[in-house]
Structure formats: C-alpha cells, structure tokens
Amino acid sequence: MHAEKKGFTEDKTALLLGSFIFIVGMLNFAGMNWLGWIVRARTWLDPVLMFNATGSSSAKAIGGWIAPAATGWISLFMTWAGITALLAIGAKLMKVDVVAFVKAFTLIFFVAYICYGLGNFAYIAVSPTPKDLAAAKITWSIGLSGEAGYIVALVVGIIIGNFMPGLAEAMRPACRPEMFVKIAIIIMGAELGVKAADAIGLAGHVVFRGLCAIVEAYLIYWALVYYISRKYFKFSREWAAPLASGISICGVSAAIATGGAIRARPVVPIMVSSLVVVFTCIEMLILPFIASWGLHTEPMVAGGWMGLAVKSDGGAIASGAIAEALILAKAKAVDGISYQTGWVVMVTTTVKIFIDVFIGIWSMLLAYIWCTKIDNKGEKRSVSWSEVWDRFPRFVIGYILTFLILLYLSLQSKELYKLGDAMSRNINSLRVLFFLMTFFTIGVISNFRRLWAEGIGRLAAVYCVCLFGFIIWIGLFISWLFFHGIKPPLV
C-alpha cells in the first residue's frame, strides 16, 4: 500500500495564496483594478456607513461595474464570497474538510469584521486633534485609531473561546491564525515597498539612520530578552526564542516566523502573539502622550521611538501619527514653530520597514543555529543548507519578493510610483482583513485555563520586565542618538 500523500503545510499554502493575491493586485499596473470590490471599514457615526468598497474612492473596479455603485454592506458580502472561495482552495490543498472549513470561516469572517467595524466608531478611532474632531463633527475621542478594531476582535474572540464553548467549537476548523498572518505579511510587503520608495525619494539619510538604528537596537534587545527568559524565568529555548523575537523585533509576525524556524509547537507563537496585541494597545495609549510631553522639540526622535518601541506595524504607525499630531500642535502653541506634516510618521514607517525585513534575515539565522547547535543532539556534524532551508518559513520569501518588486517599480518613475501606491492601497484592505482574522482567531483558541497551565503568567511577567524595564528606554536612547537635531521642514 502507498502511504497517504500529505497535504500542503500552512506555510506553503500561505505563500501560494498570498502570492496569488499579489499577482491579482499587480494587474493595477495594466489598468485593471480587480480588487476594488474588497470591503474596508471607515470611521463612522451612522452604522449604515460602517463599511465601503476599497475602489469606491479610487480607480474603477473591474470595468466600473462595482465601484462606486456598491454599498459597503454589499461589498462586505462580496468580500466574504471571494475570500472564502480562495481559502477553500487552500483548505483543499492542506487536505482538510473543506465544507467544515467554509462553515467555520463564515462565522469567523462576519463576527470578526463587524468587531473591526465597531472599533472604527468615531468616538473610539478619530485622532483627538481639533482638526480631526471638527472634520468628524464630534467634540471628543479616545483616539485609538482604527487599530482599536483589532482589540475589539481579540476581546470578543477571547470571550467566545472561554465562555461560549459551543460557538468556539463551531469556529475551530477555520481557526488558523498562523496561516492568516503569513498571508497578511506577504501582502504587507507590497505596501512597505511603496513606502520605502517614498522614503528613499524624500530623505535617504533618514532611511540610512533608520537602518542603523534598528540593527543596533534589536541586536541588543533580542540577546537581553533571551538571556532574561532563560536565566531568571527558566523558560526553555522553545519558549525563549519566539518570546525574544516577539518582544524585540516586530510582535506577532516575528514570533510566528521564529516559531517556524525553530519548529516550536504552535501554542508557543500563538501565546506570545496574544501578549503582543495586549501590550501594543497599552503602548499606544501611553507612549505618544509621553513623547508629546518630552519630545516636542525633537519630533523626529519621537517618530523613531514609536517605531522602535511599539510592537506591531499598525500600532507603531498609528502611534507615530498620534505623536505627530500632538507634537506639531504643541510646537506651534509653545514655540510658534509650524512643521510640515508627515515627516514624523515617515520616520516611524521607515524604522518599521527595516524591522520587518529583519524578520526574514533573523529567521534564516535562527534556523541555521537550531540545526547546527540546538537540535543536533550534541553531535558535531555538518549541516546542509537544504536542512536549514527546510526550516526556513516560506512565507518570508513571499514577503521579501513583494517588497522588492514594488520597491523597484516605484523607484522607476512618478507614474509607476502612483500606480504602485494605488495598488498597495487596494491590497492593503486584504492585509487588514487577514490581520483581523489572526487577532480574532488567536482570541478564540486562547483558552485561559490551558494558557495558564502552559505558563502565560510568567510570559506576561517577562514581557513587562523587558518592555518597561529596558526596551522602551533603549529605543528612546537609540532614536535620540540617530535622529537628534534632525527637524522636519517648516511650513
């Protein structure tokens, strides 16, 4: 008898599906926007206006028959149909029950996206600056930005996972946060490629300083977190490495990439990811206001600090935007200086771009170390690159390629840059969607009884000690070292 052929891994499936989405998005360069029907949440006061189609304010979608005629809610159902069909193909490749997967994903999709929409409620999401409050026709806001939708989804997922066992069980066949986040990261490469081109065009020296800053910061961060986790909290290497990457490099994506490289059990990066989400929310609520208090004379330092300290792309960039609004307003009120907008956020974005690229390099390095030093059972032996390659997370290849392709095209001309920017904005709606599925399903599978038994209390203790003990402050020092004295242009 022949052995049953194994299906694709989640890693390979994510690479395939993410690459397919990227290729469809690339049709924008040929004048065909085939992603304009994808739903996106927008800031709202009237729930009828909670969603709209990505293409409703940009290029016409598929010959003009979708946008802008479609309402947001129609776009929501169209997105469900399209993404469910795509993921059903992935389920087939992985040899899982496709019918069960589709039923479970349908529940996940609608609950999660409505949670995301609720997080974009104006009183939650609008930046608390006079200009933005006036534009939204409100007098106050918590100012968490649309990233609050991720937190709402995570909290609702946790409630379902811990208090609604029947619903959690119904969703379980499609609870695949690792696959969702890997698809999101591949898509994100395109967006960051365009942003990198824009940053290079605007200020090459800022890009260079950002690269130097992250290399210096994260070589310090990772080693310290790993040492503290092993020495003082007695975690195994399987736990210490993803924890060090999650706290040090870039949160969820780094933890998952590291977990894949060292072949950690799935529960390890998932638990680290859940902590990253919670602490990112805390940082977003605190750090921009500290920056506005102490760094209003050094706005570029504040931008670098947000990128080095806040452990998610969306959270960091949102924190950079909030810090910029607060600092520019204070600089004008206190010192009478009017800086141009966008430069503080550019520094934050540039730093995060290089951090994300660092994920792939670090994953390959850790895969090699684990093959040669950790998993060799104490034997001295040569290790082929094919063995390292077998451990290397495949989705990182997709991320690097999408990044480099869009960076190259966007640097060729202003016209190609504009097309790349429009393409990245369209594809970004799907990046948001898959990140959302990641946060929500992390919540659903995070059974606190099991997590406590696995040691999440000690994980949170390591996170607190490292983040508030030295990571935030080393990040501030390094940002000051590289960006001190650089000012945004005046209005």
Protein backbone atom coordinates (compact mmCIF):
# COMPACT_ATOMS: atom_id res chain seq x y z
CA MET A 1 0.00 0.00 0.00
CA HIS A 2 1.11 3.52 -0.78
CA ALA A 3 1.41 5.98 2.09
CA GLU A 4 -1.22 8.66 2.07
CA LYS A 5 0.11 11.81 0.45
CA LYS A 6 0.35 14.69 2.88
CA GLY A 7 -1.29 17.99 2.10
CA PHE A 8 0.39 21.37 1.91
CA THR A 9 1.60 22.93 5.15
CA GLU A 10 0.04 26.17 6.31
CA ASP A 11 3.32 27.90 5.45
CA LYS A 12 3.32 26.75 1.81
CA THR A 13 -0.41 27.40 1.49
CA ALA A 14 0.05 30.95 2.79
CA LEU A 15 2.86 31.54 0.28
CA LEU A 16 0.68 30.33 -2.58
CA LEU A 17 -2.46 32.26 -1.61
CA GLY A 18 -0.59 35.43 -0.68
CA SER A 19 1.32 35.36 -3.97
CA PHE A 20 -1.93 34.90 -5.89
CA ILE A 21 -3.45 37.96 -4.21
CA PHE A 22 -0.30 39.95 -5.01
CA ILE A 23 -0.41 38.93 -8.68
CA VAL A 24 -4.07 39.95 -8.95
CA GLY A 25 -3.18 43.28 -7.33
CA MET A 26 -0.37 43.78 -9.85
CA LEU A 27 -2.99 43.96 -12.62
CA ASN A 28 -3.42 47.55 -11.47
CA PHE A 29 -0.26 48.34 -13.45
CA ALA A 30 -2.15 47.19 -16.55
CA GLY A 31 -5.09 49.48 -15.75
CA MET A 32 -7.25 46.73 -14.23
CA ASN A 33 -8.27 47.15 -10.58
CA TRP A 34 -9.67 43.72 -9.76
CA LEU A 35 -9.63 44.32 -6.02
CA GLY A 36 -11.84 47.40 -5.87
CA TRP A 37 -14.75 45.36 -4.51
CA ILE A 38 -12.91 44.38 -1.31
CA VAL A 39 -14.55 45.79 1.81
CA ARG A 40 -12.86 48.22 4.15
CA ALA A 41 -14.04 49.75 7.41
CA ARG A 42 -14.21 53.50 7.77
CA THR A 43 -14.75 55.92 10.63
CA TRP A 44 -18.47 56.25 11.22
CA LEU A 45 -21.25 57.70 13.33
CA ASP A 46 -24.09 56.12 11.35
CA PRO A 47 -23.71 52.29 11.35
CA VAL A 48 -25.09 52.16 7.81
CA LEU A 49 -21.85 53.86 6.75
CA MET A 50 -19.57 51.48 8.69
CA PHE A 51 -18.16 49.90 5.51
CA ASN A 52 -17.43 50.82 1.92
CA ALA A 53 -15.68 49.30 -1.09
CA THR A 54 -11.93 49.82 -1.43
CA GLY A 55 -12.33 51.05 -5.00
CA SER A 56 -15.12 53.48 -4.27
CA SER A 57 -12.70 56.37 -3.90
CA SER A 58 -10.01 55.28 -6.32
CA ALA A 59 -9.86 53.58 -9.71
CA LYS A 60 -12.89 51.86 -11.18
CA ALA A 61 -13.18 48.23 -10.18
CA ILE A 62 -13.39 45.56 -12.88
CA GLY A 63 -14.51 47.80 -15.69
CA GLY A 64 -16.51 50.10 -13.43
CA TRP A 65 -19.43 47.81 -12.59
CA ILE A 66 -18.67 47.53 -8.88
CA ALA A 67 -17.31 50.82 -7.53
CA PRO A 68 -18.63 53.25 -6.56
CA ALA A 69 -22.13 51.86 -7.03
CA ALA A 70 -21.82 49.13 -4.42
CA THR A 71 -22.71 49.93 -0.85
CA GLY A 72 -20.37 48.94 1.93
CA TRP A 73 -22.57 46.08 3.10
CA ILE A 74 -22.78 44.59 -0.39
CA SER A 75 -19.00 44.87 -0.55
CA LEU A 76 -18.80 43.00 2.78
CA PHE A 77 -20.75 40.03 1.39
CA MET A 78 -18.79 40.06 -1.87
CA THR A 79 -15.54 40.01 0.09
CA TRP A 80 -16.77 37.07 2.16
CA ALA A 81 -17.62 35.14 -1.02
CA GLY A 82 -14.30 35.86 -2.72
CA ILE A 83 -12.05 35.23 0.27
CA THR A 84 -13.97 32.12 1.32
CA ALA A 85 -13.56 30.66 -2.18
CA LEU A 86 -9.82 31.40 -2.11
CA LEU A 87 -9.33 29.89 1.34
CA ALA A 88 -11.43 26.85 0.37
CA ILE A 89 -8.79 26.13 -2.27
CA GLY A 90 -6.17 26.41 0.45
CA ALA A 91 -8.14 24.03 2.66
CA LYS A 92 -8.29 21.55 -0.22
CA LEU A 93 -4.52 21.79 -0.68
CA MET A 94 -3.99 21.15 3.03
CA LYS A 95 -6.35 18.14 2.80
CA VAL A 96 -8.76 19.35 5.49
CA ASP A 97 -12.56 19.09 5.45
CA VAL A 98 -13.46 21.89 3.02
CA VAL A 99 -17.17 22.02 3.97
CA ALA A 100 -16.39 22.26 7.69
CA PHE A 101 -13.75 24.89 6.97
CA VAL A 102 -16.15 27.05 4.92
CA LYS A 103 -18.88 26.89 7.58
CA ALA A 104 -16.45 27.81 10.34
CA PHE A 105 -14.81 30.60 8.34
CA THR A 106 -18.19 32.14 7.55
CA LEU A 107 -18.84 32.56 11.27
CA ILE A 108 -15.35 33.91 11.86
CA PHE A 109 -15.48 36.37 8.98
CA PHE A 110 -18.73 38.12 9.85
CA VAL A 111 -18.21 38.25 13.62
CA ALA A 112 -14.63 39.48 13.26
CA TYR A 113 -15.31 42.11 10.62
CA ILE A 114 -18.26 43.58 12.48
CA CYS A 115 -15.98 43.79 15.53
CA TYR A 116 -13.46 45.65 13.39
CA GLY A 117 -16.17 48.00 12.18
CA LEU A 118 -17.18 48.73 15.79
CA GLY A 119 -13.56 49.61 16.56
CA ASN A 120 -13.78 52.31 13.88
CA PHE A 121 -16.61 54.14 15.68
CA ALA A 122 -15.74 57.84 15.56
CA TYR A 123 -15.60 58.34 19.31
CA ILE A 124 -13.07 55.49 19.51
CA ALA A 125 -10.98 55.91 16.37
CA VAL A 126 -10.70 59.60 15.45
CA SER A 127 -7.41 61.29 16.32
CA PRO A 128 -8.04 63.70 19.24
CA THR A 129 -6.75 66.80 17.42
CA PRO A 130 -9.03 69.82 16.89
CA LYS A 131 -8.84 69.49 13.12
CA ASP A 132 -9.78 65.81 13.04
CA LEU A 133 -12.50 66.18 15.67
CA ALA A 134 -14.04 69.04 13.72
CA ALA A 135 -13.90 67.03 10.48
CA ALA A 136 -15.69 64.12 12.20
CA LYS A 137 -18.23 66.51 13.77
CA ILE A 138 -17.56 65.31 17.30
CA THR A 139 -16.13 67.06 20.37
CA TRP A 140 -14.03 64.27 21.88
CA SER A 141 -12.50 60.89 21.05
CA ILE A 142 -10.44 58.21 22.77
CA GLY A 143 -8.11 58.48 19.77
CA LEU A 144 -7.10 54.83 19.37
CA SER A 145 -7.36 54.92 15.55
CA GLY A 146 -8.87 52.07 13.53
CA GLU A 147 -6.38 49.71 15.19
CA ALA A 148 -8.91 49.56 18.04
CA GLY A 149 -10.90 47.21 15.79
CA TYR A 150 -8.21 44.58 16.26
CA ILE A 151 -8.52 44.89 20.02
CA VAL A 152 -12.32 44.59 19.87
CA ALA A 153 -11.96 41.47 17.72
CA LEU A 154 -9.37 39.97 20.09
CA VAL A 155 -11.54 40.63 23.16
CA VAL A 156 -14.64 39.17 21.52
CA GLY A 157 -12.58 36.16 20.40
CA ILE A 158 -11.34 35.64 23.96
CA ILE A 159 -14.92 35.82 25.28
CA ILE A 160 -16.05 33.23 22.74
CA GLY A 161 -13.07 30.97 23.40
CA ASN A 162 -13.53 31.00 27.17
CA PHE A 163 -17.27 31.42 27.77
CA MET A 164 -19.00 30.12 24.62
CA PRO A 165 -17.55 26.65 24.07
CA GLY A 166 -20.22 25.64 21.55
CA LEU A 167 -19.56 28.63 19.28
CA ALA A 168 -15.80 28.26 19.72
CA GLU A 169 -16.00 24.63 18.66
CA ALA A 170 -18.03 25.59 15.58
CA MET A 171 -15.31 28.07 14.58
CA ARG A 172 -12.37 25.79 15.34
CA PRO A 173 -11.99 24.14 11.87
CA ALA A 174 -11.06 27.55 10.40
CA CYS A 175 -9.10 28.91 13.38
CA ARG A 176 -5.71 29.09 11.65
CA PRO A 177 -4.06 32.30 12.87
CA GLU A 178 -0.62 31.28 11.64
CA MET A 179 -1.83 30.91 8.06
CA PHE A 180 -3.82 34.15 8.20
CA VAL A 181 -0.92 36.23 9.50
CA LYS A 182 1.50 34.74 6.97
CA ILE A 183 -0.80 35.72 4.10
CA ALA A 184 -1.08 39.20 5.63
CA ILE A 185 2.69 39.58 5.86
CA ILE A 186 3.17 38.61 2.19
CA ILE A 187 0.59 41.23 1.23
CA MET A 188 2.20 43.79 3.53
CA GLY A 189 5.45 43.55 1.59
CA ALA A 190 3.85 45.38 -1.34
CA GLU A 191 2.63 48.23 0.84
CA LEU A 192 6.01 48.62 2.55
CA GLY A 193 7.85 48.51 -0.78
CA VAL A 194 5.94 51.59 -1.95
CA LYS A 195 6.51 53.34 1.39
CA ALA A 196 10.22 52.55 1.20
CA ALA A 197 10.41 54.08 -2.27
CA ASP A 198 8.67 57.17 -0.99
CA ALA A 199 11.02 57.41 1.99
CA ILE A 200 14.09 56.97 -0.20
CA GLY A 201 12.87 59.68 -2.52
CA LEU A 202 12.19 62.11 0.33
CA ALA A 203 15.11 61.58 2.67
CA GLY A 204 17.76 58.96 2.02
CA HIS A 205 19.72 59.90 5.11
CA VAL A 206 16.68 59.22 7.30
CA VAL A 207 16.39 55.77 5.75
CA PHE A 208 20.08 55.06 6.42
CA ARG A 209 19.80 56.24 10.01
CA GLY A 210 16.68 54.10 10.46
CA LEU A 211 18.55 51.03 9.23
CA CYS A 212 21.44 51.66 11.61
CA ALA A 213 19.04 52.27 14.49
CA ILE A 214 17.14 49.00 14.14
CA VAL A 215 20.27 46.87 13.71
CA GLU A 216 21.78 48.34 16.86
CA ALA A 217 18.53 48.23 18.85
CA TYR A 218 17.44 44.70 18.02
CA LEU A 219 20.78 43.01 18.43
CA ILE A 220 20.72 44.43 21.97
CA TYR A 221 17.02 43.71 22.55
CA TRP A 222 16.97 40.09 21.40
CA ALA A 223 20.01 39.00 23.37
CA LEU A 224 18.79 40.61 26.58
CA VAL A 225 15.24 39.22 26.38
CA TYR A 226 16.51 35.74 25.54
CA TYR A 227 19.01 35.83 28.42
CA ILE A 228 16.43 37.07 30.96
CA SER A 229 13.88 34.48 29.81
CA ARG A 230 16.35 31.63 30.19
CA LYS A 231 18.34 32.78 33.23
CA TYR A 232 15.73 34.28 35.53
CA PHE A 233 12.38 32.86 34.34
CA LYS A 234 13.70 29.38 33.43
CA PHE A 235 11.97 29.13 30.05
CA SER A 236 13.12 26.51 27.57
CA ARG A 237 14.74 27.57 24.29
CA GLU A 238 11.46 26.74 22.53
CA TRP A 239 9.73 29.49 24.54
CA ALA A 240 12.60 31.94 24.96
CA ALA A 241 13.39 32.40 21.24
CA PRO A 242 9.86 33.32 20.00
CA LEU A 243 9.36 35.45 23.10
CA ALA A 244 12.59 37.33 22.41
CA SER A 245 11.61 37.87 18.77
CA GLY A 246 8.06 38.91 19.64
CA ILE A 247 9.18 41.46 22.22
CA SER A 248 12.25 42.60 20.29
CA ILE A 249 11.61 42.61 16.57
CA CYS A 250 8.05 43.03 15.42
CA GLY A 251 5.45 41.32 17.54
CA VAL A 252 3.13 38.74 16.01
CA SER A 253 4.90 38.21 12.68
CA ALA A 254 8.35 37.86 14.27
CA ALA A 255 7.11 35.41 16.89
CA ILE A 256 5.46 33.24 14.23
CA ALA A 257 8.47 33.39 11.89
CA THR A 258 10.79 32.41 14.74
CA GLY A 259 8.46 29.62 15.86
CA GLY A 260 8.56 28.21 12.34
CA ALA A 261 12.33 28.48 12.09
CA ILE A 262 12.96 26.55 15.33
CA ARG A 263 9.95 24.25 14.90
CA ALA A 264 8.27 25.30 18.10
CA ARG A 265 4.84 23.90 18.96
CA PRO A 266 2.00 26.07 17.52
CA VAL A 267 0.87 27.12 21.01
CA VAL A 268 4.17 28.96 21.60
CA PRO A 269 3.96 31.75 18.97
CA ILE A 270 0.19 31.96 19.48
CA MET A 271 0.57 32.74 23.18
CA VAL A 272 3.35 35.24 22.52
CA SER A 273 1.19 36.87 19.84
CA SER A 274 -1.72 37.30 22.23
CA LEU A 275 0.56 39.14 24.67
CA VAL A 276 1.94 41.34 21.89
CA VAL A 277 -1.56 42.52 20.98
CA VAL A 278 -2.42 43.43 24.57
CA PHE A 279 0.83 45.28 25.25
CA THR A 280 0.68 47.09 21.90
CA CYS A 281 -2.65 48.54 22.93
CA ILE A 282 -1.15 49.70 26.24
CA GLU A 283 1.81 51.33 24.47
CA MET A 284 -0.47 53.12 22.01
CA LEU A 285 -2.36 54.65 24.92
CA ILE A 286 0.76 55.83 26.75
CA LEU A 287 3.83 56.48 24.58
CA PRO A 288 2.50 59.17 22.16
CA PHE A 289 1.49 61.34 25.11
CA ILE A 290 4.87 60.86 26.81
CA ALA A 291 6.52 61.82 23.51
CA SER A 292 4.40 64.98 23.20
CA TRP A 293 5.34 65.94 26.75
CA GLY A 294 9.10 65.42 26.49
CA LEU A 295 10.00 65.46 22.78
CA HIS A 296 8.05 68.33 21.21
CA THR A 297 11.37 69.98 20.33
CA GLU A 298 12.65 66.73 18.72
CA PRO A 299 9.75 65.41 16.61
CA MET A 300 11.93 63.07 14.50
CA VAL A 301 13.25 61.41 17.66
CA ALA A 302 9.64 60.80 18.70
CA GLY A 303 8.91 59.19 15.33
CA GLY A 304 11.87 56.84 15.62
CA TRP A 305 10.93 55.98 19.18
CA MET A 306 7.41 54.91 18.19
CA GLY A 307 8.89 52.63 15.53
CA LEU A 308 11.42 51.07 17.90
CA ALA A 309 9.14 50.66 20.91
CA VAL A 310 5.62 49.73 19.70
CA LYS A 311 5.48 46.06 18.68
CA SER A 312 3.19 45.98 15.65
CA ASP A 313 3.27 47.71 12.28
CA GLY A 314 -0.21 49.17 12.50
CA GLY A 315 0.16 50.03 16.18
CA ALA A 316 3.54 51.71 15.67
CA ILE A 317 2.45 53.76 12.67
CA ALA A 318 -0.79 54.73 14.42
CA SER A 319 1.29 55.76 17.46
CA GLY A 320 3.56 57.78 15.17
CA ALA A 321 0.55 59.56 13.68
CA ILE A 322 -0.88 60.38 17.12
CA ALA A 323 2.52 61.55 18.38
CA GLU A 324 2.99 63.73 15.29
CA ALA A 325 -0.40 65.39 15.73
CA LEU A 326 0.23 66.09 19.42
CA ILE A 327 3.84 67.25 18.96
CA LEU A 328 3.17 69.53 15.98
CA ALA A 329 0.27 71.13 17.80
CA LYS A 330 2.41 71.69 20.91
CA ALA A 331 5.38 73.02 18.92
CA LYS A 332 3.11 75.59 17.29
CA ALA A 333 1.40 76.57 20.54
CA VAL A 334 4.52 76.70 22.76
CA ASP A 335 7.34 77.64 20.38
CA GLY A 336 5.45 79.19 17.48
CA ILE A 337 7.01 76.69 15.05
CA SER A 338 4.91 75.13 12.28
CA TYR A 339 6.42 71.92 10.94
CA GLN A 340 5.25 70.13 7.80
CA THR A 341 3.11 67.09 8.50
CA GLY A 342 4.08 63.55 7.51
CA TRP A 343 7.75 63.55 8.44
CA VAL A 344 7.38 62.11 11.93
CA VAL A 345 5.22 59.29 10.57
CA MET A 346 7.77 58.78 7.78
CA VAL A 347 10.50 58.12 10.34
CA THR A 348 8.24 55.66 12.20
CA THR A 349 7.34 53.90 8.96
CA THR A 350 10.96 53.74 7.76
CA VAL A 351 12.11 52.16 11.02
CA LYS A 352 9.27 49.61 10.86
CA ILE A 353 10.11 48.73 7.25
CA PHE A 354 13.63 47.70 8.16
CA ILE A 355 12.38 45.88 11.24
CA ASP A 356 10.09 43.80 9.00
CA VAL A 357 12.93 43.00 6.60
CA PHE A 358 14.98 41.99 9.64
CA ILE A 359 12.41 39.25 10.37
CA GLY A 360 13.46 37.26 7.32
CA ILE A 361 17.18 37.62 7.99
CA TRP A 362 16.77 36.64 11.63
CA SER A 363 14.59 33.64 10.77
CA MET A 364 17.27 32.23 8.46
CA LEU A 365 19.96 32.82 11.08
CA LEU A 366 17.94 31.11 13.83
CA ALA A 367 17.11 28.19 11.54
CA TYR A 368 20.83 27.67 10.94
CA ILE A 369 21.69 27.94 14.66
CA TRP A 370 18.96 25.49 15.67
CA CYS A 371 20.11 22.99 13.03
CA THR A 372 23.80 23.18 13.94
CA LYS A 373 23.76 23.85 17.69
CA ILE A 374 20.40 23.08 19.30
CA ASP A 375 18.79 20.14 17.51
CA ASN A 376 21.91 18.19 16.65
CA LYS A 377 21.65 16.09 19.84
CA GLY A 378 25.12 17.12 20.96
CA GLU A 379 26.81 15.65 17.89
CA LYS A 380 29.27 17.61 15.82
CA ARG A 381 28.11 17.32 12.27
CA SER A 382 27.93 19.35 9.12
CA VAL A 383 24.53 20.69 8.25
CA SER A 384 23.47 21.21 4.67
CA TRP A 385 21.67 24.36 3.62
CA SER A 386 18.82 22.15 2.49
CA GLU A 387 18.18 21.28 6.14
CA VAL A 388 18.23 24.96 7.10
CA TRP A 389 16.02 25.71 4.12
CA ASP A 390 13.54 23.09 5.27
CA ARG A 391 13.10 25.06 8.48
CA PHE A 392 13.00 28.49 6.86
CA PRO A 393 9.48 29.97 6.87
CA ARG A 394 8.41 30.03 3.21
CA PHE A 395 6.10 32.99 3.64
CA VAL A 396 9.13 35.23 4.31
CA ILE A 397 10.17 34.64 0.69
CA GLY A 398 6.84 35.97 -0.48
CA TYR A 399 7.19 38.98 1.80
CA ILE A 400 10.68 39.82 0.53
CA LEU A 401 9.68 39.40 -3.12
CA THR A 402 6.56 41.55 -2.89
CA PHE A 403 8.61 44.19 -1.07
CA LEU A 404 11.43 44.23 -3.64
CA ILE A 405 9.14 44.15 -6.70
CA LEU A 406 7.10 47.15 -5.55
CA LEU A 407 10.20 48.99 -4.36
CA TYR A 408 11.88 48.53 -7.75
CA LEU A 409 8.83 49.52 -9.79
CA SER A 410 8.01 52.52 -7.60
CA LEU A 411 11.54 53.89 -7.97
CA GLN A 412 11.41 53.85 -11.77
CA SER A 413 9.14 56.86 -12.34
CA LYS A 414 6.50 59.04 -10.75
CA GLU A 415 3.82 57.37 -12.87
CA LEU A 416 4.79 53.88 -11.73
CA TYR A 417 5.01 55.12 -8.16
CA LYS A 418 1.42 56.38 -8.36
CA LEU A 419 0.26 53.05 -9.79
CA GLY A 420 2.15 51.18 -7.08
CA ASP A 421 0.64 53.41 -4.41
CA ALA A 422 -2.89 52.79 -5.71
CA MET A 423 -2.19 49.05 -5.93
CA SER A 424 -0.84 48.95 -2.36
CA ARG A 425 -3.89 50.81 -1.02
CA ASN A 426 -6.18 48.28 -2.67
CA ILE A 427 -4.22 45.26 -1.49
CA ASN A 428 -3.89 46.79 1.98
CA SER A 429 -7.59 46.16 2.59
CA LEU A 430 -6.85 42.43 2.34
CA ARG A 431 -3.82 42.79 4.60
CA VAL A 432 -6.12 44.37 7.21
CA LEU A 433 -8.63 41.55 6.72
CA PHE A 434 -6.09 38.78 7.30
CA PHE A 435 -4.54 40.53 10.29
CA LEU A 436 -8.07 40.83 11.67
CA MET A 437 -8.69 37.09 11.20
CA THR A 438 -5.39 36.50 13.02
CA PHE A 439 -6.31 38.57 16.08
CA PHE A 440 -9.82 37.17 16.30
CA THR A 441 -8.84 33.51 15.96
CA ILE A 442 -5.99 33.96 18.45
CA GLY A 443 -8.69 35.01 20.89
CA VAL A 444 -10.95 32.07 20.05
CA ILE A 445 -8.24 29.45 20.61
CA SER A 446 -6.81 31.20 23.70
CA ASN A 447 -8.36 29.15 26.44
CA PHE A 448 -7.05 30.83 29.58
CA ARG A 449 -7.09 27.67 31.66
CA ARG A 450 -4.81 25.98 29.18
CA LEU A 451 -2.70 29.12 28.74
CA TRP A 452 -2.25 29.45 32.48
CA ALA A 453 -1.19 25.82 32.67
CA GLU A 454 1.33 26.49 29.88
CA GLY A 455 2.75 29.44 31.84
CA ILE A 456 1.23 32.62 30.35
CA GLY A 457 1.60 34.34 33.74
CA ARG A 458 5.37 34.00 33.56
CA LEU A 459 5.31 35.08 29.89
CA ALA A 460 3.48 38.27 30.83
CA ALA A 461 5.99 38.86 33.63
CA VAL A 462 8.91 38.59 31.17
CA TYR A 463 7.12 40.93 28.79
CA CYS A 464 6.53 43.54 31.49
CA VAL A 465 10.08 43.37 32.84
CA CYS A 466 11.71 43.63 29.41
CA LEU A 467 9.36 46.11 27.76
CA PHE A 468 9.11 48.62 30.57
CA GLY A 469 12.48 47.79 32.12
CA PHE A 470 14.74 48.49 29.14
CA ILE A 471 13.24 48.08 25.64
CA ILE A 472 11.27 51.34 25.66
CA TRP A 473 14.19 53.28 27.13
CA ILE A 474 16.91 51.77 24.94
CA GLY A 475 14.66 52.54 21.97
CA LEU A 476 14.39 56.16 23.12
CA PHE A 477 18.17 56.45 23.55
CA ILE A 478 18.93 54.96 20.13
CA SER A 479 16.30 57.11 18.46
CA TRP A 480 17.85 60.16 20.12
CA LEU A 481 21.31 59.02 19.03
CA PHE A 482 20.37 58.76 15.35
CA PHE A 483 17.67 61.42 14.90
CA HIS A 484 18.63 64.12 17.41
CA GLY A 485 18.89 67.51 15.72
CA ILE A 486 17.09 66.49 12.52
CA LYS A 487 13.99 68.65 12.10
CA PRO A 488 11.04 68.36 9.74
CA PRO A 489 10.82 71.14 7.13
CA LEU A 490 8.88 74.22 8.19
CA VAL A 491 5.53 75.05 6.63
